[in-house]
PDB file of N, CA and C in Angstrom:
ATOM      1  N   MET A   1      46.314  -0.217  64.118  1.00  0.00           N
ATOM      2  CA  MET A   1      46.034   0.388  62.834  1.00  0.00           C
ATOM      3  C   MET A   1      44.628  -0.012  62.374  1.00  0.00           C
ATOM      4  N   LEU A   2      44.459  -1.287  62.059  1.00  0.00           N
ATOM      5  CA  LEU A   2      43.145  -1.811  61.711  1.00  0.00           C
ATOM      6  C   LEU A   2      42.914  -3.107  62.474  1.00  0.00           C
ATOM      7  N   LYS A   3      41.666  -3.493  62.602  1.00  0.00           N
ATOM      8  CA  LYS A   3      41.385  -4.754  63.282  1.00  0.00           C
ATOM      9  C   LYS A   3      41.820  -5.948  62.437  1.00  0.00           C
ATOM     10  N   ASN A   4      41.753  -5.809  61.130  1.00  0.00           N
ATOM     11  CA  ASN A   4      42.188  -6.877  60.231  1.00  0.00           C
ATOM     12  C   ASN A   4      43.694  -6.741  60.013  1.00  0.00           C
ATOM     13  N   HIS A   5      44.481  -7.576  60.676  1.00  0.00           N
ATOM     14  CA  HIS A   5      45.938  -7.447  60.650  1.00  0.00           C
ATOM     15  C   HIS A   5      46.525  -7.723  59.270  1.00  0.00           C
ATOM     16  N   LYS A   6      45.930  -8.643  58.518  1.00  0.00           N
ATOM     17  CA  LYS A   6      46.436  -8.929  57.168  1.00  0.00           C
ATOM     18  C   LYS A   6      46.233  -7.727  56.258  1.00  0.00           C
ATOM     19  N   LEU A   7      45.092  -7.082  56.377  1.00  0.00           N
ATOM     20  CA  LEU A   7      44.831  -5.890  55.578  1.00  0.00           C
ATOM     21  C   LEU A   7      45.751  -4.752  55.996  1.00  0.00           C
ATOM     22  N   ALA A   8      45.981  -4.610  57.284  1.00  0.00           N
ATOM     23  CA  ALA A   8      46.865  -3.555  57.780  1.00  0.00           C
ATOM     24  C   ALA A   8      48.285  -3.745  57.260  1.00  0.00           C
ATOM     25  N   SER A   9      48.766  -4.987  57.250  1.00  0.00           N
ATOM     26  CA  SER A   9      50.122  -5.223  56.752  1.00  0.00           C
ATOM     27  C   SER A   9      50.194  -4.992  55.250  1.00  0.00           C
ATOM     28  N   ALA A  10      49.142  -5.313  54.524  1.00  0.00           N
ATOM     29  CA  ALA A  10      49.127  -5.063  53.083  1.00  0.00           C
ATOM     30  C   ALA A  10      49.168  -3.568  52.792  1.00  0.00           C
ATOM     31  N   ILE A  11      48.444  -2.785  53.580  1.00  0.00           N
ATOM     32  CA  ILE A  11      48.449  -1.332  53.401  1.00  0.00           C
ATOM     33  C   ILE A  11      49.820  -0.764  53.738  1.00  0.00           C
ATOM     34  N   ALA A  12      50.433  -1.243  54.799  1.00  0.00           N
ATOM     35  CA  ALA A  12      51.756  -0.758  55.188  1.00  0.00           C
ATOM     36  C   ALA A  12      52.789  -1.111  54.126  1.00  0.00           C
ATOM     37  N   ASP A  13      52.741  -2.329  53.598  1.00  0.00           N
ATOM     38  CA  ASP A  13      53.674  -2.738  52.554  1.00  0.00           C
ATOM     39  C   ASP A  13      53.483  -1.904  51.301  1.00  0.00           C
ATOM     40  N   CYS A  14      52.261  -1.607  50.976  1.00  0.00           N
ATOM     41  CA  CYS A  14      51.975  -0.795  49.797  1.00  0.00           C
ATOM     42  C   CYS A  14      52.584   0.586  49.949  1.00  0.00           C
ATOM     43  N   GLY A  15      52.567   1.145  51.150  1.00  0.00           N
ATOM     44  CA  GLY A  15      53.156   2.456  51.386  1.00  0.00           C
ATOM     45  C   GLY A  15      54.644   2.463  51.121  1.00  0.00           C
ATOM     46  N   PHE A  16      55.354   1.423  51.573  1.00  0.00           N
ATOM     47  CA  PHE A  16      56.788   1.350  51.323  1.00  0.00           C
ATOM     48  C   PHE A  16      57.080   1.092  49.853  1.00  0.00           C
ATOM     49  N   TYR A  17      56.224   0.321  49.190  1.00  0.00           N
ATOM     50  CA  TYR A  17      56.405   0.083  47.761  1.00  0.00           C
ATOM     51  C   TYR A  17      56.289   1.393  46.991  1.00  0.00           C
ATOM     52  N   GLU A  18      55.312   2.193  47.335  1.00  0.00           N
ATOM     53  CA  GLU A  18      55.121   3.474  46.655  1.00  0.00           C
ATOM     54  C   GLU A  18      56.302   4.397  46.910  1.00  0.00           C
ATOM     55  N   PHE A  19      56.827   4.407  48.122  1.00  0.00           N
ATOM     56  CA  PHE A  19      57.995   5.219  48.452  1.00  0.00           C
ATOM     57  C   PHE A  19      59.198   4.792  47.607  1.00  0.00           C
ATOM     58  N   LYS A  20      59.421   3.486  47.501  1.00  0.00           N
ATOM     59  CA  LYS A  20      60.529   2.967  46.694  1.00  0.00           C
ATOM     60  C   LYS A  20      60.328   3.308  45.219  1.00  0.00           C
ATOM     61  N   ARG A  21      59.103   3.206  44.742  1.00  0.00           N
ATOM     62  CA  ARG A  21      58.803   3.517  43.343  1.00  0.00           C
ATOM     63  C   ARG A  21      59.089   4.978  43.030  1.00  0.00           C
ATOM     64  N   GLN A  22      58.688   5.863  43.932  1.00  0.00           N
ATOM     65  CA  GLN A  22      58.934   7.291  43.738  1.00  0.00           C
ATOM     66  C   GLN A  22      60.423   7.603  43.764  1.00  0.00           C
ATOM     67  N   LEU A  23      61.165   6.979  44.693  1.00  0.00           N
ATOM     68  CA  LEU A  23      62.613   7.192  44.742  1.00  0.00           C
ATOM     69  C   LEU A  23      63.277   6.729  43.450  1.00  0.00           C
ATOM     70  N   THR A  24      62.863   5.575  42.952  1.00  0.00           N
ATOM     71  CA  THR A  24      63.414   5.055  41.703  1.00  0.00           C
ATOM     72  C   THR A  24      63.140   6.015  40.556  1.00  0.00           C
ATOM     73  N   TYR A  25      61.935   6.514  40.469  1.00  0.00           N
ATOM     74  CA  TYR A  25      61.557   7.446  39.413  1.00  0.00           C
ATOM     75  C   TYR A  25      62.373   8.735  39.488  1.00  0.00           C
ATOM     76  N   LYS A  26      62.485   9.298  40.679  1.00  0.00           N
ATOM     77  CA  LYS A  26      63.227  10.548  40.842  1.00  0.00           C
ATOM     78  C   LYS A  26      64.709  10.368  40.523  1.00  0.00           C
ATOM     79  N   CYS A  27      65.277   9.224  40.920  1.00  0.00           N
ATOM     80  CA  CYS A  27      66.690   8.977  40.618  1.00  0.00           C
ATOM     81  C   CYS A  27      66.913   8.849  39.117  1.00  0.00           C
ATOM     82  N   GLU A  28      66.003   8.187  38.416  1.00  0.00           N
ATOM     83  CA  GLU A  28      66.112   8.096  36.963  1.00  0.00           C
ATOM     84  C   GLU A  28      65.959   9.475  36.328  1.00  0.00           C
ATOM     85  N   TRP A  29      65.050  10.272  36.841  1.00  0.00           N
ATOM     86  CA  TRP A  29      64.781  11.603  36.308  1.00  0.00           C
ATOM     87  C   TRP A  29      66.007  12.512  36.437  1.00  0.00           C
ATOM     88  N   TYR A  30      66.674  12.457  37.595  1.00  0.00           N
ATOM     89  CA  TYR A  30      67.820  13.326  37.846  1.00  0.00           C
ATOM     90  C   TYR A  30      69.162  12.666  37.535  1.00  0.00           C
ATOM     91  N   GLY A  31      69.155  11.438  37.047  1.00  0.00           N
ATOM     92  CA  GLY A  31      70.390  10.753  36.692  1.00  0.00           C
ATOM     93  C   GLY A  31      71.202  10.288  37.885  1.00  0.00           C
ATOM     94  N   SER A  32      70.536  10.037  38.996  1.00  0.00           N
ATOM     95  CA  SER A  32      71.212   9.551  40.202  1.00  0.00           C
ATOM     96  C   SER A  32      71.139   8.026  40.255  1.00  0.00           C
ATOM     97  N   LYS A  33      71.914   7.457  41.154  1.00  0.00           N
ATOM     98  CA  LYS A  33      71.915   6.009  41.339  1.00  0.00           C
ATOM     99  C   LYS A  33      71.274   5.675  42.679  1.00  0.00           C
ATOM    100  N   LEU A  34      70.299   4.801  42.649  1.00  0.00           N
ATOM    101  CA  LEU A  34      69.624   4.356  43.864  1.00  0.00           C
ATOM    102  C   LEU A  34      70.148   2.977  44.232  1.00  0.00           C
ATOM    103  N   VAL A  35      70.685   2.844  45.430  1.00  0.00           N
ATOM    104  CA  VAL A  35      71.199   1.567  45.907  1.00  0.00           C
ATOM    105  C   VAL A  35      70.244   1.055  46.979  1.00  0.00           C
ATOM    106  N   ILE A  36      69.669  -0.104  46.740  1.00  0.00           N
ATOM    107  CA  ILE A  36      68.723  -0.695  47.683  1.00  0.00           C
ATOM    108  C   ILE A  36      69.406  -1.874  48.358  1.00  0.00           C
ATOM    109  N   ALA A  37      69.543  -1.784  49.656  1.00  0.00           N
ATOM    110  CA  ALA A  37      70.190  -2.854  50.420  1.00  0.00           C
ATOM    111  C   ALA A  37      69.215  -4.004  50.627  1.00  0.00           C
ATOM    112  N   ASP A  38      69.758  -5.204  50.695  1.00  0.00           N
ATOM    113  CA  ASP A  38      68.963  -6.385  50.980  1.00  0.00           C
ATOM    114  C   ASP A  38      68.333  -6.253  52.368  1.00  0.00           C
ATOM    115  N   ARG A  39      67.210  -6.874  52.553  1.00  0.00           N
ATOM    116  CA  ARG A  39      66.492  -6.788  53.821  1.00  0.00           C
ATOM    117  C   ARG A  39      67.354  -7.220  55.008  1.00  0.00           C
ATOM    118  N   TYR A  40      68.199  -8.215  54.815  1.00  0.00           N
ATOM    119  CA  TYR A  40      69.014  -8.747  55.901  1.00  0.00           C
ATOM    120  C   TYR A  40      70.470  -8.300  55.821  1.00  0.00           C
ATOM    121  N   TYR A  41      70.753  -7.246  55.072  1.00  0.00           N
ATOM    122  CA  TYR A  41      72.113  -6.723  54.970  1.00  0.00           C
ATOM    123  C   TYR A  41      72.538  -6.164  56.326  1.00  0.00           C
ATOM    124  N   PRO A  42      73.715  -6.566  56.838  1.00  0.00           N
ATOM    125  CA  PRO A  42      74.151  -6.077  58.161  1.00  0.00           C
ATOM    126  C   PRO A  42      74.676  -4.648  58.065  1.00  0.00           C
ATOM    127  N   SER A  43      73.782  -3.683  58.099  1.00  0.00           N
ATOM    128  CA  SER A  43      74.162  -2.295  57.852  1.00  0.00           C
ATOM    129  C   SER A  43      74.614  -1.544  59.100  1.00  0.00           C
ATOM    130  N   SER A  44      74.483  -2.120  60.260  1.00  0.00           N
ATOM    131  CA  SER A  44      74.926  -1.436  61.473  1.00  0.00           C
ATOM    132  C   SER A  44      76.148  -2.147  62.043  1.00  0.00           C
ATOM    133  N   GLN A  45      76.885  -1.444  62.861  1.00  0.00           N
ATOM    134  CA  GLN A  45      78.081  -2.016  63.464  1.00  0.00           C
ATOM    135  C   GLN A  45      77.728  -3.187  64.369  1.00  0.00           C
ATOM    136  N   ILE A  46      78.592  -4.179  64.363  1.00  0.00           N
ATOM    137  CA  ILE A  46      78.392  -5.321  65.251  1.00  0.00           C
ATOM    138  C   ILE A  46      78.905  -4.980  66.648  1.00  0.00           C
ATOM    139  N   CYS A  47      80.066  -4.312  66.702  1.00  0.00           N
ATOM    140  CA  CYS A  47      80.600  -3.896  67.998  1.00  0.00           C
ATOM    141  C   CYS A  47      81.455  -2.642  67.810  1.00  0.00           C
ATOM    142  N   SER A  48      81.824  -2.012  68.889  1.00  0.00           N
ATOM    143  CA  SER A  48      82.584  -0.767  68.796  1.00  0.00           C
ATOM    144  C   SER A  48      84.011  -0.989  68.305  1.00  0.00           C
ATOM    145  N   ASN A  49      84.533  -2.194  68.405  1.00  0.00           N
ATOM    146  CA  ASN A  49      85.891  -2.486  67.938  1.00  0.00           C
ATOM    147  C   ASN A  49      85.956  -2.765  66.440  1.00  0.00           C
ATOM    148  N   CYS A  50      84.846  -3.114  65.848  1.00  0.00           N
ATOM    149  CA  CYS A  50      84.845  -3.475  64.423  1.00  0.00           C
ATOM    150  C   CYS A  50      84.996  -2.255  63.521  1.00  0.00           C
ATOM    151  N   GLY A  51      84.570  -1.113  63.974  1.00  0.00           N
ATOM    152  CA  GLY A  51      84.707   0.095  63.177  1.00  0.00           C
ATOM    153  C   GLY A  51      83.574   0.297  62.316  1.00  0.00           C
TER     154      GLY A  51
END
């Protein structure tokens, strides 16, 4: 992306922040509920038997 890795990560983080901000705004505008999962929330199946 860029040679300066710290700057590149800051730009990438800013992009996700803006996306989250827009989603929050739109949900408030339309009366929807936005659920944000924790970064380490186990959102995928652990195994095929767990369901």
